[in-house]
Amino acid sequence: MDPVEINAGSWYLRALRADDRVSDVPALADLGVPDPHDHVVSSARDWADETTFVWAVCVPTTGELIALIGVAADGRMFGRARSGYADALSESVPVVARFATGALGLEVSPILDDALS
């Protein structure tokens, strides 16, 4: 499956990126991801394999990654927000849960705070 973009009201959810136009690598490092570039690559692979679905929660006007949210194929949700953006993560949870239930047919578990996978 190709990554699906989601409008979450105040926030925009998109696939992770690290290319010549947009790089989420610095924001992922800020979130404590050990190898941010590899995380972007593995996230794309996971979408293709339909094993894990990860979104960058972004400010719509800038595209800046402020939180990360995802759901595994077993329905386990996870996420982490940058300092000062816990609201972006919490507001994205029901949107991602609806997508996972409706589009993927998953029974979604509550989000695991401060978990990345």
PDB file of N, CA and C in Angstrom:
ATOM      1  N   MET A   1       0.845  -1.171   0.000  1.00  0.00           N
ATOM      2  CA  MET A   1       0.000   0.000   0.000  1.00  0.00           C
ATOM      3  C   MET A   1       0.893   1.238   0.000  1.00  0.00           C
ATOM      4  N   ASP A   2       0.475   2.238  -0.739  1.00  0.00           N
ATOM      5  CA  ASP A   2       1.155   3.530  -0.719  1.00  0.00           C
ATOM      6  C   ASP A   2       0.695   4.308   0.516  1.00  0.00           C
ATOM      7  N   PRO A   3       1.559   5.161   1.067  1.00  0.00           N
ATOM      8  CA  PRO A   3       1.156   5.975   2.219  1.00  0.00           C
ATOM      9  C   PRO A   3      -0.069   6.834   1.900  1.00  0.00           C
ATOM     10  N   VAL A   4      -0.916   6.984   2.899  1.00  0.00           N
ATOM     11  CA  VAL A   4      -2.144   7.751   2.774  1.00  0.00           C
ATOM     12  C   VAL A   4      -2.007   9.027   3.592  1.00  0.00           C
ATOM     13  N   GLU A   5      -2.296  10.164   2.970  1.00  0.00           N
ATOM     14  CA  GLU A   5      -2.286  11.438   3.684  1.00  0.00           C
ATOM     15  C   GLU A   5      -3.648  11.647   4.326  1.00  0.00           C
ATOM     16  N   ILE A   6      -3.636  12.250   5.526  1.00  0.00           N
ATOM     17  CA  ILE A   6      -4.873  12.455   6.282  1.00  0.00           C
ATOM     18  C   ILE A   6      -4.937  13.894   6.766  1.00  0.00           C
ATOM     19  N   ASN A   7      -6.092  14.502   6.595  1.00  0.00           N
ATOM     20  CA  ASN A   7      -6.345  15.818   7.174  1.00  0.00           C
ATOM     21  C   ASN A   7      -6.945  15.575   8.547  1.00  0.00           C
ATOM     22  N   ALA A   8      -6.245  16.004   9.582  1.00  0.00           N
ATOM     23  CA  ALA A   8      -6.694  15.787  10.959  1.00  0.00           C
ATOM     24  C   ALA A   8      -7.141  17.099  11.587  1.00  0.00           C
ATOM     25  N   GLY A   9      -7.883  17.890  10.844  1.00  0.00           N
ATOM     26  CA  GLY A   9      -8.353  19.169  11.375  1.00  0.00           C
ATOM     27  C   GLY A   9      -7.240  20.190  11.402  1.00  0.00           C
ATOM     28  N   SER A  10      -6.709  20.443  12.581  1.00  0.00           N
ATOM     29  CA  SER A  10      -5.627  21.423  12.726  1.00  0.00           C
ATOM     30  C   SER A  10      -4.285  20.902  12.227  1.00  0.00           C
ATOM     31  N   TRP A  11      -4.197  19.613  11.990  1.00  0.00           N
ATOM     32  CA  TRP A  11      -2.924  18.988  11.641  1.00  0.00           C
ATOM     33  C   TRP A  11      -3.053  18.217  10.340  1.00  0.00           C
ATOM     34  N   TYR A  12      -1.922  18.043   9.698  1.00  0.00           N
ATOM     35  CA  TYR A  12      -1.840  17.332   8.435  1.00  0.00           C
ATOM     36  C   TYR A  12      -0.936  16.124   8.653  1.00  0.00           C
ATOM     37  N   LEU A  13      -1.416  14.935   8.315  1.00  0.00           N
ATOM     38  CA  LEU A  13      -0.642  13.714   8.488  1.00  0.00           C
ATOM     39  C   LEU A  13      -0.182  13.220   7.126  1.00  0.00           C
ATOM     40  N   ARG A  14       1.103  12.933   7.029  1.00  0.00           N
ATOM     41  CA  ARG A  14       1.695  12.468   5.781  1.00  0.00           C
ATOM     42  C   ARG A  14       2.785  11.451   6.083  1.00  0.00           C
ATOM     43  N   ALA A  15       3.258  10.804   5.033  1.00  0.00           N
ATOM     44  CA  ALA A  15       4.369   9.861   5.172  1.00  0.00           C
ATOM     45  C   ALA A  15       5.630  10.614   5.578  1.00  0.00           C
ATOM     46  N   LEU A  16       6.535   9.911   6.212  1.00  0.00           N
ATOM     47  CA  LEU A  16       7.832  10.488   6.552  1.00  0.00           C
ATOM     48  C   LEU A  16       8.616  10.745   5.272  1.00  0.00           C
ATOM     49  N   ARG A  17       9.436  11.800   5.301  1.00  0.00           N
ATOM     50  CA  ARG A  17      10.215  12.163   4.121  1.00  0.00           C
ATOM     51  C   ARG A  17      11.640  12.528   4.502  1.00  0.00           C
ATOM     52  N   ALA A  18      12.537  12.247   3.564  1.00  0.00           N
ATOM     53  CA  ALA A  18      13.936  12.674   3.663  1.00  0.00           C
ATOM     54  C   ALA A  18      14.453  12.776   2.234  1.00  0.00           C
ATOM     55  N   ASP A  19      14.092  13.867   1.580  1.00  0.00           N
ATOM     56  CA  ASP A  19      14.512  14.062   0.197  1.00  0.00           C
ATOM     57  C   ASP A  19      15.041  15.486   0.024  1.00  0.00           C
ATOM     58  N   ASP A  20      15.261  15.894  -1.214  1.00  0.00           N
ATOM     59  CA  ASP A  20      15.847  17.210  -1.452  1.00  0.00           C
ATOM     60  C   ASP A  20      14.881  18.364  -1.196  1.00  0.00           C
ATOM     61  N   ARG A  21      13.590  18.080  -1.010  1.00  0.00           N
ATOM     62  CA  ARG A  21      12.609  19.138  -0.734  1.00  0.00           C
ATOM     63  C   ARG A  21      12.204  19.210   0.733  1.00  0.00           C
ATOM     64  N   VAL A  22      11.995  18.053   1.357  1.00  0.00           N
ATOM     65  CA  VAL A  22      11.551  17.988   2.755  1.00  0.00           C
ATOM     66  C   VAL A  22      12.330  16.898   3.468  1.00  0.00           C
ATOM     67  N   SER A  23      12.859  17.230   4.634  1.00  0.00           N
ATOM     68  CA  SER A  23      13.546  16.222   5.439  1.00  0.00           C
ATOM     69  C   SER A  23      13.011  16.243   6.861  1.00  0.00           C
ATOM     70  N   ASP A  24      12.493  15.099   7.281  1.00  0.00           N
ATOM     71  CA  ASP A  24      12.021  14.937   8.655  1.00  0.00           C
ATOM     72  C   ASP A  24      13.136  14.471   9.583  1.00  0.00           C
ATOM     73  N   VAL A  25      14.322  14.262   9.043  1.00  0.00           N
ATOM     74  CA  VAL A  25      15.433  13.727   9.826  1.00  0.00           C
ATOM     75  C   VAL A  25      15.735  14.573  11.069  1.00  0.00           C
ATOM     76  N   PRO A  26      15.868  15.898  10.977  1.00  0.00           N
ATOM     77  CA  PRO A  26      16.149  16.678  12.191  1.00  0.00           C
ATOM     78  C   PRO A  26      15.044  16.565  13.253  1.00  0.00           C
ATOM     79  N   ALA A  27      13.778  16.584  12.821  1.00  0.00           N
ATOM     80  CA  ALA A  27      12.671  16.466  13.773  1.00  0.00           C
ATOM     81  C   ALA A  27      12.645  15.080  14.406  1.00  0.00           C
ATOM     82  N   LEU A  28      12.948  14.048  13.627  1.00  0.00           N
ATOM     83  CA  LEU A  28      12.996  12.690  14.182  1.00  0.00           C
ATOM     84  C   LEU A  28      14.130  12.568  15.201  1.00  0.00           C
ATOM     85  N   ALA A  29      15.251  13.199  14.925  1.00  0.00           N
ATOM     86  CA  ALA A  29      16.355  13.208  15.892  1.00  0.00           C
ATOM     87  C   ALA A  29      15.919  13.903  17.176  1.00  0.00           C
ATOM     88  N   ASP A  30      15.175  15.010  17.034  1.00  0.00           N
ATOM     89  CA  ASP A  30      14.648  15.726  18.190  1.00  0.00           C
ATOM     90  C   ASP A  30      13.707  14.842  19.013  1.00  0.00           C
ATOM     91  N   LEU A  31      13.014  13.928  18.346  1.00  0.00           N
ATOM     92  CA  LEU A  31      12.119  12.995  19.036  1.00  0.00           C
ATOM     93  C   LEU A  31      12.876  11.834  19.693  1.00  0.00           C
ATOM     94  N   GLY A  32      14.168  11.743  19.429  1.00  0.00           N
ATOM     95  CA  GLY A  32      14.966  10.685  20.030  1.00  0.00           C
ATOM     96  C   GLY A  32      15.075   9.423  19.196  1.00  0.00           C
ATOM     97  N   VAL A  33      14.723   9.501  17.930  1.00  0.00           N
ATOM     98  CA  VAL A  33      14.861   8.346  17.047  1.00  0.00           C
ATOM     99  C   VAL A  33      16.355   8.116  16.814  1.00  0.00           C
ATOM    100  N   PRO A  34      16.869   6.920  17.133  1.00  0.00           N
ATOM    101  CA  PRO A  34      18.313   6.667  17.052  1.00  0.00           C
ATOM    102  C   PRO A  34      18.925   6.864  15.670  1.00  0.00           C
ATOM    103  N   ASP A  35      18.276   6.389  14.617  1.00  0.00           N
ATOM    104  CA  ASP A  35      18.787   6.554  13.255  1.00  0.00           C
ATOM    105  C   ASP A  35      17.651   7.113  12.405  1.00  0.00           C
ATOM    106  N   PRO A  36      17.475   8.431  12.430  1.00  0.00           N
ATOM    107  CA  PRO A  36      16.318   9.038  11.772  1.00  0.00           C
ATOM    108  C   PRO A  36      16.191   8.729  10.282  1.00  0.00           C
ATOM    109  N   HIS A  37      17.297   8.767   9.558  1.00  0.00           N
ATOM    110  CA  HIS A  37      17.212   8.485   8.118  1.00  0.00           C
ATOM    111  C   HIS A  37      16.744   7.056   7.882  1.00  0.00           C
ATOM    112  N   ASP A  38      17.281   6.110   8.619  1.00  0.00           N
ATOM    113  CA  ASP A  38      16.857   4.714   8.486  1.00  0.00           C
ATOM    114  C   ASP A  38      15.387   4.557   8.871  1.00  0.00           C
ATOM    115  N   HIS A  39      14.925   5.349   9.834  1.00  0.00           N
ATOM    116  CA  HIS A  39      13.524   5.291  10.251  1.00  0.00           C
ATOM    117  C   HIS A  39      12.603   5.706   9.095  1.00  0.00           C
ATOM    118  N   VAL A  40      13.007   6.701   8.336  1.00  0.00           N
ATOM    119  CA  VAL A  40      12.228   7.134   7.170  1.00  0.00           C
ATOM    120  C   VAL A  40      12.179   6.013   6.133  1.00  0.00           C
ATOM    121  N   VAL A  41      13.328   5.407   5.859  1.00  0.00           N
ATOM    122  CA  VAL A  41      13.416   4.329   4.871  1.00  0.00           C
ATOM    123  C   VAL A  41      12.592   3.119   5.316  1.00  0.00           C
ATOM    124  N   SER A  42      12.723   2.732   6.579  1.00  0.00           N
ATOM    125  CA  SER A  42      11.980   1.557   7.055  1.00  0.00           C
ATOM    126  C   SER A  42      10.483   1.832   7.114  1.00  0.00           C
ATOM    127  N   SER A  43      10.108   3.080   7.383  1.00  0.00           N
ATOM    128  CA  SER A  43       8.692   3.434   7.387  1.00  0.00           C
ATOM    129  C   SER A  43       8.080   3.247   5.999  1.00  0.00           C
ATOM    130  N   ALA A  44       8.791   3.668   4.968  1.00  0.00           N
ATOM    131  CA  ALA A  44       8.299   3.486   3.589  1.00  0.00           C
ATOM    132  C   ALA A  44       8.169   1.996   3.263  1.00  0.00           C
ATOM    133  N   ARG A  45       9.139   1.220   3.685  1.00  0.00           N
ATOM    134  CA  ARG A  45       9.104  -0.226   3.455  1.00  0.00           C
ATOM    135  C   ARG A  45       7.927  -0.858   4.195  1.00  0.00           C
ATOM    136  N   ASP A  46       7.697  -0.406   5.432  1.00  0.00           N
ATOM    137  CA  ASP A  46       6.588  -0.948   6.230  1.00  0.00           C
ATOM    138  C   ASP A  46       5.232  -0.642   5.605  1.00  0.00           C
ATOM    139  N   TRP A  47       5.066   0.564   5.034  1.00  0.00           N
ATOM    140  CA  TRP A  47       3.826   0.879   4.315  1.00  0.00           C
ATOM    141  C   TRP A  47       3.652  -0.101   3.160  1.00  0.00           C
ATOM    142  N   ALA A  48       4.715  -0.302   2.372  1.00  0.00           N
ATOM    143  CA  ALA A  48       4.642  -1.192   1.208  1.00  0.00           C
ATOM    144  C   ALA A  48       4.314  -2.625   1.623  1.00  0.00           C
ATOM    145  N   ASP A  49       4.873  -3.050   2.753  1.00  0.00           N
ATOM    146  CA  ASP A  49       4.638  -4.408   3.254  1.00  0.00           C
ATOM    147  C   ASP A  49       3.339  -4.525   4.054  1.00  0.00           C
ATOM    148  N   GLU A  50       2.723  -3.367   4.341  1.00  0.00           N
ATOM    149  CA  GLU A  50       1.501  -3.301   5.138  1.00  0.00           C
ATOM    150  C   GLU A  50       1.672  -3.924   6.522  1.00  0.00           C
ATOM    151  N   THR A  51       2.840  -3.641   7.136  1.00  0.00           N
ATOM    152  CA  THR A  51       3.105  -4.143   8.483  1.00  0.00           C
ATOM    153  C   THR A  51       2.970  -3.067   9.548  1.00  0.00           C
ATOM    154  N   THR A  52       3.315  -1.838   9.186  1.00  0.00           N
ATOM    155  CA  THR A  52       3.214  -0.698  10.098  1.00  0.00           C
ATOM    156  C   THR A  52       2.940   0.542   9.262  1.00  0.00           C
ATOM    157  N   PHE A  53       2.076   1.409   9.786  1.00  0.00           N
ATOM    158  CA  PHE A  53       1.658   2.612   9.068  1.00  0.00           C
ATOM    159  C   PHE A  53       2.003   3.813   9.939  1.00  0.00           C
ATOM    160  N   VAL A  54       2.980   4.612   9.505  1.00  0.00           N
ATOM    161  CA  VAL A  54       3.486   5.726  10.308  1.00  0.00           C
ATOM    162  C   VAL A  54       3.242   7.039   9.564  1.00  0.00           C
ATOM    163  N   TRP A  55       2.794   8.033  10.338  1.00  0.00           N
ATOM    164  CA  TRP A  55       2.566   9.363   9.794  1.00  0.00           C
ATOM    165  C   TRP A  55       3.385  10.402  10.544  1.00  0.00           C
ATOM    166  N   ALA A  56       3.833  11.395   9.816  1.00  0.00           N
ATOM    167  CA  ALA A  56       4.361  12.615  10.406  1.00  0.00           C
ATOM    168  C   ALA A  56       3.161  13.511  10.650  1.00  0.00           C
ATOM    169  N   VAL A  57       2.977  13.954  11.874  1.00  0.00           N
ATOM    170  CA  VAL A  57       1.926  14.914  12.189  1.00  0.00           C
ATOM    171  C   VAL A  57       2.569  16.284  11.979  1.00  0.00           C
ATOM    172  N   CYS A  58       2.000  17.067  11.054  1.00  0.00           N
ATOM    173  CA  CYS A  58       2.658  18.294  10.613  1.00  0.00           C
ATOM    174  C   CYS A  58       1.782  19.528  10.777  1.00  0.00           C
ATOM    175  N   VAL A  59       2.466  20.656  10.897  1.00  0.00           N
ATOM    176  CA  VAL A  59       1.816  21.953  10.828  1.00  0.00           C
ATOM    177  C   VAL A  59       1.431  22.145   9.355  1.00  0.00           C
ATOM    178  N   PRO A  60       0.150  22.367   9.049  1.00  0.00           N
ATOM    179  CA  PRO A  60      -0.264  22.443   7.645  1.00  0.00           C
ATOM    180  C   PRO A  60       0.427  23.537   6.823  1.00  0.00           C
ATOM    181  N   THR A  61       0.717  24.659   7.425  1.00  0.00           N
ATOM    182  CA  THR A  61       1.294  25.771   6.656  1.00  0.00           C
ATOM    183  C   THR A  61       2.774  25.616   6.355  1.00  0.00           C
ATOM    184  N   THR A  62       3.492  24.826   7.178  1.00  0.00           N
ATOM    185  CA  THR A  62       4.938  24.684   6.980  1.00  0.00           C
ATOM    186  C   THR A  62       5.366  23.270   6.623  1.00  0.00           C
ATOM    187  N   GLY A  63       4.551  22.274   6.959  1.00  0.00           N
ATOM    188  CA  GLY A  63       4.929  20.883   6.744  1.00  0.00           C
ATOM    189  C   GLY A  63       5.883  20.349   7.790  1.00  0.00           C
ATOM    190  N   GLU A  64       6.169  21.148   8.827  1.00  0.00           N
ATOM    191  CA  GLU A  64       7.103  20.730   9.871  1.00  0.00           C
ATOM    192  C   GLU A  64       6.529  19.578  10.688  1.00  0.00           C
ATOM    193  N   LEU A  65       7.329  18.521  10.864  1.00  0.00           N
ATOM    194  CA  LEU A  65       6.939  17.384  11.688  1.00  0.00           C
ATOM    195  C   LEU A  65       6.985  17.796  13.154  1.00  0.00           C
ATOM    196  N   ILE A  66       5.841  17.665  13.827  1.00  0.00           N
ATOM    197  CA  ILE A  66       5.778  18.016  15.242  1.00  0.00           C
ATOM    198  C   ILE A  66       5.447  16.813  16.119  1.00  0.00           C
ATOM    199  N   ALA A  67       4.994  15.738  15.490  1.00  0.00           N
ATOM    200  CA  ALA A  67       4.713  14.504  16.212  1.00  0.00           C
ATOM    201  C   ALA A  67       4.763  13.353  15.218  1.00  0.00           C
ATOM    202  N   LEU A  68       4.808  12.176  15.764  1.00  0.00           N
ATOM    203  CA  LEU A  68       4.846  10.951  14.976  1.00  0.00           C
ATOM    204  C   LEU A  68       3.754  10.058  15.518  1.00  0.00           C
ATOM    205  N   ILE A  69       2.963   9.452  14.649  1.00  0.00           N
ATOM    206  CA  ILE A  69       1.920   8.534  15.084  1.00  0.00           C
ATOM    207  C   ILE A  69       1.877   7.362  14.118  1.00  0.00           C
ATOM    208  N   GLY A  70       1.572   6.204  14.649  1.00  0.00           N
ATOM    209  CA  GLY A  70       1.493   5.034  13.794  1.00  0.00           C
ATOM    210  C   GLY A  70       0.626   3.951  14.385  1.00  0.00           C
ATOM    211  N   VAL A  71       0.360   2.986  13.545  1.00  0.00           N
ATOM    212  CA  VAL A  71      -0.397   1.808  13.969  1.00  0.00           C
ATOM    213  C   VAL A  71       0.226   0.594  13.288  1.00  0.00           C
ATOM    214  N   ALA A  72       0.444  -0.450  14.076  1.00  0.00           N
ATOM    215  CA  ALA A  72       0.997  -1.692  13.550  1.00  0.00           C
ATOM    216  C   ALA A  72      -0.144  -2.549  13.006  1.00  0.00           C
ATOM    217  N   ALA A  73       0.199  -3.534  12.215  1.00  0.00           N
ATOM    218  CA  ALA A  73      -0.807  -4.404  11.608  1.00  0.00           C
ATOM    219  C   ALA A  73      -1.622  -5.167  12.650  1.00  0.00           C
ATOM    220  N   ASP A  74      -1.111  -5.251  13.881  1.00  0.00           N
ATOM    221  CA  ASP A  74      -1.878  -5.906  14.950  1.00  0.00           C
ATOM    222  C   ASP A  74      -2.817  -4.935  15.663  1.00  0.00           C
ATOM    223  N   GLY A  75      -2.872  -3.672  15.207  1.00  0.00           N
ATOM    224  CA  GLY A  75      -3.764  -2.674  15.776  1.00  0.00           C
ATOM    225  C   GLY A  75      -3.170  -1.847  16.896  1.00  0.00           C
ATOM    226  N   ARG A  76      -1.928  -2.116  17.262  1.00  0.00           N
ATOM    227  CA  ARG A  76      -1.267  -1.366  18.338  1.00  0.00           C
ATOM    228  C   ARG A  76      -0.875   0.014  17.837  1.00  0.00           C
ATOM    229  N   MET A  77      -1.396   1.050  18.499  1.00  0.00           N
ATOM    230  CA  MET A  77      -1.048   2.430  18.127  1.00  0.00           C
ATOM    231  C   MET A  77       0.127   2.918  18.964  1.00  0.00           C
ATOM    232  N   PHE A  78       0.927   3.792  18.376  1.00  0.00           N
ATOM    233  CA  PHE A  78       2.070   4.355  19.081  1.00  0.00           C
ATOM    234  C   PHE A  78       2.311   5.773  18.584  1.00  0.00           C
ATOM    235  N   GLY A  79       3.016   6.546  19.371  1.00  0.00           N
ATOM    236  CA  GLY A  79       3.330   7.896  18.951  1.00  0.00           C
ATOM    237  C   GLY A  79       4.205   8.625  19.937  1.00  0.00           C
ATOM    238  N   ARG A  80       4.686   9.752  19.470  1.00  0.00           N
ATOM    239  CA  ARG A  80       5.528  10.616  20.301  1.00  0.00           C
ATOM    240  C   ARG A  80       5.440  12.025  19.737  1.00  0.00           C
ATOM    241  N   ALA A  81       5.347  13.004  20.623  1.00  0.00           N
ATOM    242  CA  ALA A  81       5.260  14.406  20.199  1.00  0.00           C
ATOM    243  C   ALA A  81       6.511  15.164  20.608  1.00  0.00           C
ATOM    244  N   ARG A  82       6.870  16.139  19.790  1.00  0.00           N
ATOM    245  CA  ARG A  82       7.956  17.040  20.157  1.00  0.00           C
ATOM    246  C   ARG A  82       7.476  17.922  21.303  1.00  0.00           C
ATOM    247  N   SER A  83       8.405  18.472  22.027  1.00  0.00           N
ATOM    248  CA  SER A  83       8.094  19.323  23.169  1.00  0.00           C
ATOM    249  C   SER A  83       7.132  20.436  22.761  1.00  0.00           C
ATOM    250  N   GLY A  84       6.038  20.547  23.522  1.00  0.00           N
ATOM    251  CA  GLY A  84       5.043  21.577  23.265  1.00  0.00           C
ATOM    252  C   GLY A  84       3.953  21.182  22.286  1.00  0.00           C
ATOM    253  N   TYR A  85       3.984  19.958  21.772  1.00  0.00           N
ATOM    254  CA  TYR A  85       3.014  19.547  20.762  1.00  0.00           C
ATOM    255  C   TYR A  85       2.223  18.294  21.139  1.00  0.00           C
ATOM    256  N   ALA A  86       2.046  18.043  22.417  1.00  0.00           N
ATOM    257  CA  ALA A  86       1.276  16.879  22.851  1.00  0.00           C
ATOM    258  C   ALA A  86      -0.153  16.928  22.313  1.00  0.00           C
ATOM    259  N   ASP A  87      -0.701  18.135  22.162  1.00  0.00           N
ATOM    260  CA  ASP A  87      -2.062  18.268  21.643  1.00  0.00           C
ATOM    261  C   ASP A  87      -2.166  17.752  20.212  1.00  0.00           C
ATOM    262  N   ALA A  88      -1.143  17.956  19.398  1.00  0.00           N
ATOM    263  CA  ALA A  88      -1.161  17.472  18.014  1.00  0.00           C
ATOM    264  C   ALA A  88      -1.238  15.953  17.983  1.00  0.00           C
ATOM    265  N   LEU A  89      -0.498  15.310  18.872  1.00  0.00           N
ATOM    266  CA  LEU A  89      -0.540  13.861  18.936  1.00  0.00           C
ATOM    267  C   LEU A  89      -1.907  13.388  19.420  1.00  0.00           C
ATOM    268  N   SER A  90      -2.404  13.962  20.498  1.00  0.00           N
ATOM    269  CA  SER A  90      -3.690  13.499  21.049  1.00  0.00           C
ATOM    270  C   SER A  90      -4.841  13.757  20.078  1.00  0.00           C
ATOM    271  N   GLU A  91      -4.800  14.847  19.330  1.00  0.00           N
ATOM    272  CA  GLU A  91      -5.857  15.136  18.358  1.00  0.00           C
ATOM    273  C   GLU A  91      -5.769  14.231  17.127  1.00  0.00           C
ATOM    274  N   SER A  92      -4.599  13.650  16.884  1.00  0.00           N
ATOM    275  CA  SER A  92      -4.420  12.755  15.740  1.00  0.00           C
ATOM    276  C   SER A  92      -4.850  11.326  16.040  1.00  0.00           C
ATOM    277  N   VAL A  93      -4.892  10.969  17.297  1.00  0.00           N
ATOM    278  CA  VAL A  93      -5.228   9.593  17.683  1.00  0.00           C
ATOM    279  C   VAL A  93      -6.580   9.145  17.126  1.00  0.00           C
ATOM    280  N   PRO A  94      -7.684   9.874  17.364  1.00  0.00           N
ATOM    281  CA  PRO A  94      -8.964   9.364  16.852  1.00  0.00           C
ATOM    282  C   PRO A  94      -9.025   9.321  15.325  1.00  0.00           C
ATOM    283  N   VAL A  95      -8.323  10.220  14.670  1.00  0.00           N
ATOM    284  CA  VAL A  95      -8.310  10.247  13.202  1.00  0.00           C
ATOM    285  C   VAL A  95      -7.604   9.002  12.665  1.00  0.00           C
ATOM    286  N   VAL A  96      -6.451   8.691  13.226  1.00  0.00           N
ATOM    287  CA  VAL A  96      -5.709   7.506  12.793  1.00  0.00           C
ATOM    288  C   VAL A  96      -6.474   6.239  13.173  1.00  0.00           C
ATOM    289  N   ALA A  97      -7.105   6.234  14.337  1.00  0.00           N
ATOM    290  CA  ALA A  97      -7.891   5.066  14.748  1.00  0.00           C
ATOM    291  C   ALA A  97      -9.034   4.812  13.765  1.00  0.00           C
ATOM    292  N   ARG A  98      -9.721   5.882  13.332  1.00  0.00           N
ATOM    293  CA  ARG A  98     -10.808   5.717  12.351  1.00  0.00           C
ATOM    294  C   ARG A  98     -10.273   5.177  11.027  1.00  0.00           C
ATOM    295  N   PHE A  99      -9.130   5.688  10.595  1.00  0.00           N
ATOM    296  CA  PHE A  99      -8.538   5.194   9.353  1.00  0.00           C
ATOM    297  C   PHE A  99      -8.170   3.716   9.489  1.00  0.00           C
ATOM    298  N   ALA A 100      -7.519   3.376  10.588  1.00  0.00           N
ATOM    299  CA  ALA A 100      -7.078   1.993  10.789  1.00  0.00           C
ATOM    300  C   ALA A 100      -8.265   1.033  10.854  1.00  0.00           C
ATOM    301  N   THR A 101      -9.336   1.468  11.473  1.00  0.00           N
ATOM    302  CA  THR A 101     -10.527   0.624  11.583  1.00  0.00           C
ATOM    303  C   THR A 101     -11.266   0.539  10.251  1.00  0.00           C
ATOM    304  N   GLY A 102     -11.539   1.705   9.658  1.00  0.00           N
ATOM    305  CA  GLY A 102     -12.337   1.736   8.444  1.00  0.00           C
ATOM    306  C   GLY A 102     -11.612   1.267   7.197  1.00  0.00           C
ATOM    307  N   ALA A 103     -10.406   1.732   6.980  1.00  0.00           N
ATOM    308  CA  ALA A 103      -9.682   1.423   5.741  1.00  0.00           C
ATOM    309  C   ALA A 103      -8.844   0.154   5.828  1.00  0.00           C
ATOM    310  N   LEU A 104      -8.330  -0.136   7.023  1.00  0.00           N
ATOM    311  CA  LEU A 104      -7.449  -1.298   7.170  1.00  0.00           C
ATOM    312  C   LEU A 104      -8.117  -2.483   7.847  1.00  0.00           C
ATOM    313  N   GLY A 105      -9.287  -2.249   8.431  1.00  0.00           N
ATOM    314  CA  GLY A 105     -10.006  -3.332   9.104  1.00  0.00           C
ATOM    315  C   GLY A 105      -9.349  -3.798  10.387  1.00  0.00           C
ATOM    316  N   LEU A 106      -8.615  -2.906  11.055  1.00  0.00           N
ATOM    317  CA  LEU A 106      -7.904  -3.283  12.280  1.00  0.00           C
ATOM    318  C   LEU A 106      -8.731  -2.956  13.519  1.00  0.00           C
ATOM    319  N   GLU A 107      -8.591  -3.758  14.534  1.00  0.00           N
ATOM    320  CA  GLU A 107      -9.124  -3.435  15.850  1.00  0.00           C
ATOM    321  C   GLU A 107      -8.002  -2.715  16.583  1.00  0.00           C
ATOM    322  N   VAL A 108      -8.208  -1.436  16.849  1.00  0.00           N
ATOM    323  CA  VAL A 108      -7.139  -0.578  17.344  1.00  0.00           C
ATOM    324  C   VAL A 108      -7.105  -0.556  18.863  1.00  0.00           C
ATOM    325  N   SER A 109      -5.882  -0.666  19.394  1.00  0.00           N
ATOM    326  CA  SER A 109      -5.681  -0.568  20.839  1.00  0.00           C
ATOM    327  C   SER A 109      -5.344   0.883  21.200  1.00  0.00           C
ATOM    328  N   PRO A 110      -5.474   1.225  22.464  1.00  0.00           N
ATOM    329  CA  PRO A 110      -5.110   2.601  22.878  1.00  0.00           C
ATOM    330  C   PRO A 110      -3.649   2.887  22.547  1.00  0.00           C
ATOM    331  N   ILE A 111      -3.372   4.163  22.326  1.00  0.00           N
ATOM    332  CA  ILE A 111      -2.019   4.569  21.981  1.00  0.00           C
ATOM    333  C   ILE A 111      -1.052   4.324  23.137  1.00  0.00           C
ATOM    334  N   LEU A 112       0.128   3.899  22.784  1.00  0.00           N
ATOM    335  CA  LEU A 112       1.197   3.718  23.747  1.00  0.00           C
ATOM    336  C   LEU A 112       1.994   5.025  23.758  1.00  0.00           C
ATOM    337  N   ASP A 113       1.830   5.835  24.775  1.00  0.00           N
ATOM    338  CA  ASP A 113       2.533   7.109  24.848  1.00  0.00           C
ATOM    339  C   ASP A 113       4.035   6.901  24.849  1.00  0.00           C
ATOM    340  N   ASP A 114       4.705   7.779  24.138  1.00  0.00           N
ATOM    341  CA  ASP A 114       6.160   7.834  24.094  1.00  0.00           C
ATOM    342  C   ASP A 114       6.794   6.558  23.530  1.00  0.00           C
ATOM    343  N   ALA A 115       6.061   5.824  22.710  1.00  0.00           N
ATOM    344  CA  ALA A 115       6.626   4.649  22.058  1.00  0.00           C
ATOM    345  C   ALA A 115       6.739   4.948  20.572  1.00  0.00           C
ATOM    346  N   LEU A 116       7.765   4.436  19.950  1.00  0.00           N
ATOM    347  CA  LEU A 116       7.939   4.662  18.508  1.00  0.00           C
ATOM    348  C   LEU A 116       7.612   3.456  17.665  1.00  0.00           C
ATOM    349  N   SER A 117       7.485   2.303  18.242  1.00  0.00           N
ATOM    350  CA  SER A 117       7.088   1.140  17.440  1.00  0.00           C
ATOM    351  C   SER A 117       6.639   0.018  18.331  1.00  0.00           C
TER     352      SER A 117
END
